[in-house]
Structures are given as structure tokens and as C-alpha cells.
Amino acid sequence: MKFKESDMKKYSLIKSEEKKPCMICEKETIFIDYCCEGRLCSSECSEKFYNMVAEQE
């Protein structure tokens, strides 16, 4: 599900004024995950990112 402003608190997001590529799928997004300081466009990309992080631990 692509992020909306209503998802900001649940997913620890901040909103940027400019669109840049998601670090997982490279789709343009205005949302930045403030825990990892990376751009994520959807809950699926967020889950994929944090699963990759967990595998590295």
C-alpha cells in the first residue's frame, strides 16, 4: 500500500517537499523514514527494508 499522510505516525515518516526515489523499488516518493533516514514509498517497501536489516543482525 502506497503511503499517505495518514500513515506518517504509524510508520515513523516525515514528509519532504521534493520527490526522490524509494530506496527499495525506486518509485518517486515524498516520505522519509526518520529511523533509517531513507526514502520508502509503501508499507511493502518498509517491511522489505526492515526484514533485510533483521537478516544482517
PDB file of N, CA and C in Angstrom:
ATOM      1  N   MET A   1       0.847  -1.172   0.000  1.00  0.00           N
ATOM      2  CA  MET A   1       0.000   0.000   0.000  1.00  0.00           C
ATOM      3  C   MET A   1       0.899   1.244   0.000  1.00  0.00           C
ATOM      4  N   LYS A   2       0.704   2.087  -0.952  1.00  0.00           N
ATOM      5  CA  LYS A   2       1.483   3.316  -1.043  1.00  0.00           C
ATOM      6  C   LYS A   2       1.162   4.214   0.152  1.00  0.00           C
ATOM      7  N   PHE A   3       2.199   4.829   0.733  1.00  0.00           N
ATOM      8  CA  PHE A   3       1.999   5.677   1.899  1.00  0.00           C
ATOM      9  C   PHE A   3       1.169   6.917   1.584  1.00  0.00           C
ATOM     10  N   LYS A   4       0.384   7.319   2.610  1.00  0.00           N
ATOM     11  CA  LYS A   4      -0.378   8.568   2.583  1.00  0.00           C
ATOM     12  C   LYS A   4      -0.004   9.335   3.848  1.00  0.00           C
ATOM     13  N   GLU A   5      -0.399  10.575   3.923  1.00  0.00           N
ATOM     14  CA  GLU A   5      -0.091  11.384   5.109  1.00  0.00           C
ATOM     15  C   GLU A   5      -0.620  10.743   6.386  1.00  0.00           C
ATOM     16  N   SER A   6      -1.726  10.036   6.304  1.00  0.00           N
ATOM     17  CA  SER A   6      -2.297   9.395   7.493  1.00  0.00           C
ATOM     18  C   SER A   6      -1.418   8.256   8.026  1.00  0.00           C
ATOM     19  N   ASP A   7      -0.460   7.781   7.238  1.00  0.00           N
ATOM     20  CA  ASP A   7       0.452   6.707   7.656  1.00  0.00           C
ATOM     21  C   ASP A   7       1.700   7.223   8.370  1.00  0.00           C
ATOM     22  N   MET A   8       1.886   8.524   8.407  1.00  0.00           N
ATOM     23  CA  MET A   8       3.141   9.092   8.894  1.00  0.00           C
ATOM     24  C   MET A   8       3.482   8.670  10.326  1.00  0.00           C
ATOM     25  N   LYS A   9       2.552   8.725  11.227  1.00  0.00           N
ATOM     26  CA  LYS A   9       2.827   8.385  12.626  1.00  0.00           C
ATOM     27  C   LYS A   9       3.069   6.884  12.787  1.00  0.00           C
ATOM     28  N   LYS A  10       2.242   6.071  12.163  1.00  0.00           N
ATOM     29  CA  LYS A  10       2.350   4.614  12.290  1.00  0.00           C
ATOM     30  C   LYS A  10       3.691   4.091  11.785  1.00  0.00           C
ATOM     31  N   TYR A  11       4.204   4.666  10.702  1.00  0.00           N
ATOM     32  CA  TYR A  11       5.434   4.171  10.078  1.00  0.00           C
ATOM     33  C   TYR A  11       6.650   5.072  10.325  1.00  0.00           C
ATOM     34  N   SER A  12       6.570   5.991  11.253  1.00  0.00           N
ATOM     35  CA  SER A  12       7.696   6.883  11.588  1.00  0.00           C
ATOM     36  C   SER A  12       8.225   7.618  10.360  1.00  0.00           C
ATOM     37  N   LEU A  13       7.329   8.303   9.669  1.00  0.00           N
ATOM     38  CA  LEU A  13       7.687   9.002   8.439  1.00  0.00           C
ATOM     39  C   LEU A  13       7.683  10.508   8.634  1.00  0.00           C
ATOM     40  N   ILE A  14       8.509  11.167   7.860  1.00  0.00           N
ATOM     41  CA  ILE A  14       8.419  12.614   7.725  1.00  0.00           C
ATOM     42  C   ILE A  14       8.185  12.907   6.250  1.00  0.00           C
ATOM     43  N   LYS A  15       7.615  14.054   5.986  1.00  0.00           N
ATOM     44  CA  LYS A  15       7.242  14.428   4.623  1.00  0.00           C
ATOM     45  C   LYS A  15       8.244  15.441   4.082  1.00  0.00           C
ATOM     46  N   SER A  16       8.708  15.196   2.875  1.00  0.00           N
ATOM     47  CA  SER A  16       9.637  16.091   2.198  1.00  0.00           C
ATOM     48  C   SER A  16       8.870  16.921   1.180  1.00  0.00           C
ATOM     49  N   GLU A  17       9.449  18.034   0.779  1.00  0.00           N
ATOM     50  CA  GLU A  17       8.812  18.857  -0.248  1.00  0.00           C
ATOM     51  C   GLU A  17       9.118  18.356  -1.656  1.00  0.00           C
ATOM     52  N   GLU A  18      10.177  17.559  -1.802  1.00  0.00           N
ATOM     53  CA  GLU A  18      10.527  17.078  -3.136  1.00  0.00           C
ATOM     54  C   GLU A  18      10.480  15.557  -3.210  1.00  0.00           C
ATOM     55  N   LYS A  19      10.116  15.059  -4.381  1.00  0.00           N
ATOM     56  CA  LYS A  19      10.063  13.622  -4.613  1.00  0.00           C
ATOM     57  C   LYS A  19      11.444  13.110  -5.002  1.00  0.00           C
ATOM     58  N   LYS A  20      11.786  11.960  -4.412  1.00  0.00           N
ATOM     59  CA  LYS A  20      13.026  11.264  -4.743  1.00  0.00           C
ATOM     60  C   LYS A  20      12.733   9.771  -4.714  1.00  0.00           C
ATOM     61  N   PRO A  21      13.612   8.945  -5.287  1.00  0.00           N
ATOM     62  CA  PRO A  21      13.339   7.505  -5.378  1.00  0.00           C
ATOM     63  C   PRO A  21      13.337   6.776  -4.028  1.00  0.00           C
ATOM     64  N   CYS A  22      12.421   5.844  -3.914  1.00  0.00           N
ATOM     65  CA  CYS A  22      12.368   4.914  -2.785  1.00  0.00           C
ATOM     66  C   CYS A  22      13.654   4.079  -2.815  1.00  0.00           C
ATOM     67  N   MET A  23      14.233   3.798  -1.653  1.00  0.00           N
ATOM     68  CA  MET A  23      15.491   3.057  -1.638  1.00  0.00           C
ATOM     69  C   MET A  23      15.312   1.564  -1.909  1.00  0.00           C
ATOM     70  N   ILE A  24      14.085   1.082  -1.979  1.00  0.00           N
ATOM     71  CA  ILE A  24      13.836  -0.326  -2.295  1.00  0.00           C
ATOM     72  C   ILE A  24      13.398  -0.506  -3.747  1.00  0.00           C
ATOM     73  N   CYS A  25      12.350   0.204  -4.172  1.00  0.00           N
ATOM     74  CA  CYS A  25      11.789  -0.021  -5.516  1.00  0.00           C
ATOM     75  C   CYS A  25      12.086   1.100  -6.507  1.00  0.00           C
ATOM     76  N   GLU A  26      12.620   2.207  -6.010  1.00  0.00           N
ATOM     77  CA  GLU A  26      12.991   3.372  -6.811  1.00  0.00           C
ATOM     78  C   GLU A  26      11.815   4.175  -7.381  1.00  0.00           C
ATOM     79  N   LYS A  27      10.591   3.936  -6.892  1.00  0.00           N
ATOM     80  CA  LYS A  27       9.456   4.782  -7.270  1.00  0.00           C
ATOM     81  C   LYS A  27       9.581   6.106  -6.524  1.00  0.00           C
ATOM     82  N   GLU A  28       9.141   7.176  -7.146  1.00  0.00           N
ATOM     83  CA  GLU A  28       9.230   8.508  -6.546  1.00  0.00           C
ATOM     84  C   GLU A  28       8.337   8.601  -5.304  1.00  0.00           C
ATOM     85  N   THR A  29       8.869   9.215  -4.241  1.00  0.00           N
ATOM     86  CA  THR A  29       8.109   9.385  -3.005  1.00  0.00           C
ATOM     87  C   THR A  29       8.533  10.659  -2.277  1.00  0.00           C
ATOM     88  N   ILE A  30       7.624  11.174  -1.478  1.00  0.00           N
ATOM     89  CA  ILE A  30       7.932  12.344  -0.647  1.00  0.00           C
ATOM     90  C   ILE A  30       8.187  11.941   0.803  1.00  0.00           C
ATOM     91  N   PHE A  31       8.081  10.651   1.117  1.00  0.00           N
ATOM     92  CA  PHE A  31       8.182  10.198   2.501  1.00  0.00           C
ATOM     93  C   PHE A  31       9.568   9.658   2.846  1.00  0.00           C
ATOM     94  N   ILE A  32      10.027  10.034   4.045  1.00  0.00           N
ATOM     95  CA  ILE A  32      11.322   9.608   4.560  1.00  0.00           C
ATOM     96  C   ILE A  32      11.091   8.921   5.903  1.00  0.00           C
ATOM     97  N   ASP A  33      11.627   7.723   6.045  1.00  0.00           N
ATOM     98  CA  ASP A  33      11.584   7.011   7.321  1.00  0.00           C
ATOM     99  C   ASP A  33      12.624   7.662   8.224  1.00  0.00           C
ATOM    100  N   TYR A  34      12.197   8.283   9.320  1.00  0.00           N
ATOM    101  CA  TYR A  34      13.174   9.017  10.117  1.00  0.00           C
ATOM    102  C   TYR A  34      14.025   8.137  11.007  1.00  0.00           C
ATOM    103  N   CYS A  35      13.731   6.860  11.108  1.00  0.00           N
ATOM    104  CA  CYS A  35      14.598   5.948  11.870  1.00  0.00           C
ATOM    105  C   CYS A  35      15.848   5.580  11.071  1.00  0.00           C
ATOM    106  N   CYS A  36      15.682   5.351   9.776  1.00  0.00           N
ATOM    107  CA  CYS A  36      16.826   4.967   8.934  1.00  0.00           C
ATOM    108  C   CYS A  36      17.264   6.100   8.011  1.00  0.00           C
ATOM    109  N   GLU A  37      16.527   7.199   8.003  1.00  0.00           N
ATOM    110  CA  GLU A  37      16.820   8.369   7.172  1.00  0.00           C
ATOM    111  C   GLU A  37      16.841   8.037   5.679  1.00  0.00           C
ATOM    112  N   GLY A  38      15.992   7.086   5.287  1.00  0.00           N
ATOM    113  CA  GLY A  38      15.899   6.703   3.882  1.00  0.00           C
ATOM    114  C   GLY A  38      14.485   6.859   3.373  1.00  0.00           C
ATOM    115  N   ARG A  39      14.364   6.980   2.079  1.00  0.00           N
ATOM    116  CA  ARG A  39      13.040   7.130   1.471  1.00  0.00           C
ATOM    117  C   ARG A  39      12.393   5.774   1.245  1.00  0.00           C
ATOM    118  N   LEU A  40      11.143   5.674   1.688  1.00  0.00           N
ATOM    119  CA  LEU A  40      10.337   4.478   1.494  1.00  0.00           C
ATOM    120  C   LEU A  40       8.964   4.921   1.008  1.00  0.00           C
ATOM    121  N   CYS A  41       8.422   4.218   0.008  1.00  0.00           N
ATOM    122  CA  CYS A  41       7.171   4.672  -0.609  1.00  0.00           C
ATOM    123  C   CYS A  41       5.931   3.918  -0.147  1.00  0.00           C
ATOM    124  N   SER A  42       6.123   2.763   0.510  1.00  0.00           N
ATOM    125  CA  SER A  42       4.957   1.941   0.846  1.00  0.00           C
ATOM    126  C   SER A  42       5.246   1.045   2.045  1.00  0.00           C
ATOM    127  N   SER A  43       4.191   0.469   2.587  1.00  0.00           N
ATOM    128  CA  SER A  43       4.354  -0.461   3.703  1.00  0.00           C
ATOM    129  C   SER A  43       5.115  -1.705   3.253  1.00  0.00           C
ATOM    130  N   GLU A  44       4.934  -2.117   2.009  1.00  0.00           N
ATOM    131  CA  GLU A  44       5.656  -3.277   1.478  1.00  0.00           C
ATOM    132  C   GLU A  44       7.162  -3.005   1.416  1.00  0.00           C
ATOM    133  N   CYS A  45       7.531  -1.829   0.941  1.00  0.00           N
ATOM    134  CA  CYS A  45       8.952  -1.468   0.874  1.00  0.00           C
ATOM    135  C   CYS A  45       9.534  -1.328   2.277  1.00  0.00           C
ATOM    136  N   SER A  46       8.770  -0.787   3.196  1.00  0.00           N
ATOM    137  CA  SER A  46       9.217  -0.659   4.578  1.00  0.00           C
ATOM    138  C   SER A  46       9.468  -2.039   5.177  1.00  0.00           C
ATOM    139  N   GLU A  47       8.535  -2.951   4.987  1.00  0.00           N
ATOM    140  CA  GLU A  47       8.681  -4.311   5.510  1.00  0.00           C
ATOM    141  C   GLU A  47       9.899  -4.999   4.895  1.00  0.00           C
ATOM    142  N   LYS A  48      10.068  -4.859   3.595  1.00  0.00           N
ATOM    143  CA  LYS A  48      11.208  -5.470   2.911  1.00  0.00           C
ATOM    144  C   LYS A  48      12.522  -4.913   3.460  1.00  0.00           C
ATOM    145  N   PHE A  49      12.596  -3.602   3.652  1.00  0.00           N
ATOM    146  CA  PHE A  49      13.807  -2.978   4.180  1.00  0.00           C
ATOM    147  C   PHE A  49      14.128  -3.500   5.578  1.00  0.00           C
ATOM    148  N   TYR A  50      13.149  -3.479   6.472  1.00  0.00           N
ATOM    149  CA  TYR A  50      13.414  -3.893   7.848  1.00  0.00           C
ATOM    150  C   TYR A  50      13.665  -5.396   7.964  1.00  0.00           C
ATOM    151  N   ASN A  51      13.135  -6.200   7.060  1.00  0.00           N
ATOM    152  CA  ASN A  51      13.478  -7.628   7.019  1.00  0.00           C
ATOM    153  C   ASN A  51      14.939  -7.810   6.613  1.00  0.00           C
ATOM    154  N   MET A  52      15.409  -7.015   5.650  1.00  0.00           N
ATOM    155  CA  MET A  52      16.814  -7.080   5.239  1.00  0.00           C
ATOM    156  C   MET A  52      17.719  -6.680   6.402  1.00  0.00           C
ATOM    157  N   VAL A  53      17.334  -5.662   7.149  1.00  0.00           N
ATOM    158  CA  VAL A  53      18.120  -5.225   8.307  1.00  0.00           C
ATOM    159  C   VAL A  53      18.176  -6.341   9.351  1.00  0.00           C
ATOM    160  N   ALA A  54      17.044  -6.976   9.622  1.00  0.00           N
ATOM    161  CA  ALA A  54      16.987  -8.044  10.621  1.00  0.00           C
ATOM    162  C   ALA A  54      17.869  -9.226  10.224  1.00  0.00           C
ATOM    163  N   GLU A  55      17.952  -9.519   8.937  1.00  0.00           N
ATOM    164  CA  GLU A  55      18.795 -10.619   8.462  1.00  0.00           C
ATOM    165  C   GLU A  55      20.272 -10.334   8.697  1.00  0.00           C
ATOM    166  N   GLN A  56      20.647  -9.067   8.729  1.00  0.00           N
ATOM    167  CA  GLN A  56      22.046  -8.685   8.917  1.00  0.00           C
ATOM    168  C   GLN A  56      22.484  -8.720  10.380  1.00  0.00           C
ATOM    169  N   GLU A  57      21.531  -8.785  11.280  1.00  0.00           N
ATOM    170  CA  GLU A  57      21.873  -8.759  12.713  1.00  0.00           C
ATOM    171  C   GLU A  57      22.301 -10.107  13.219  1.00  0.00           C
TER     172      GLU A  57
END
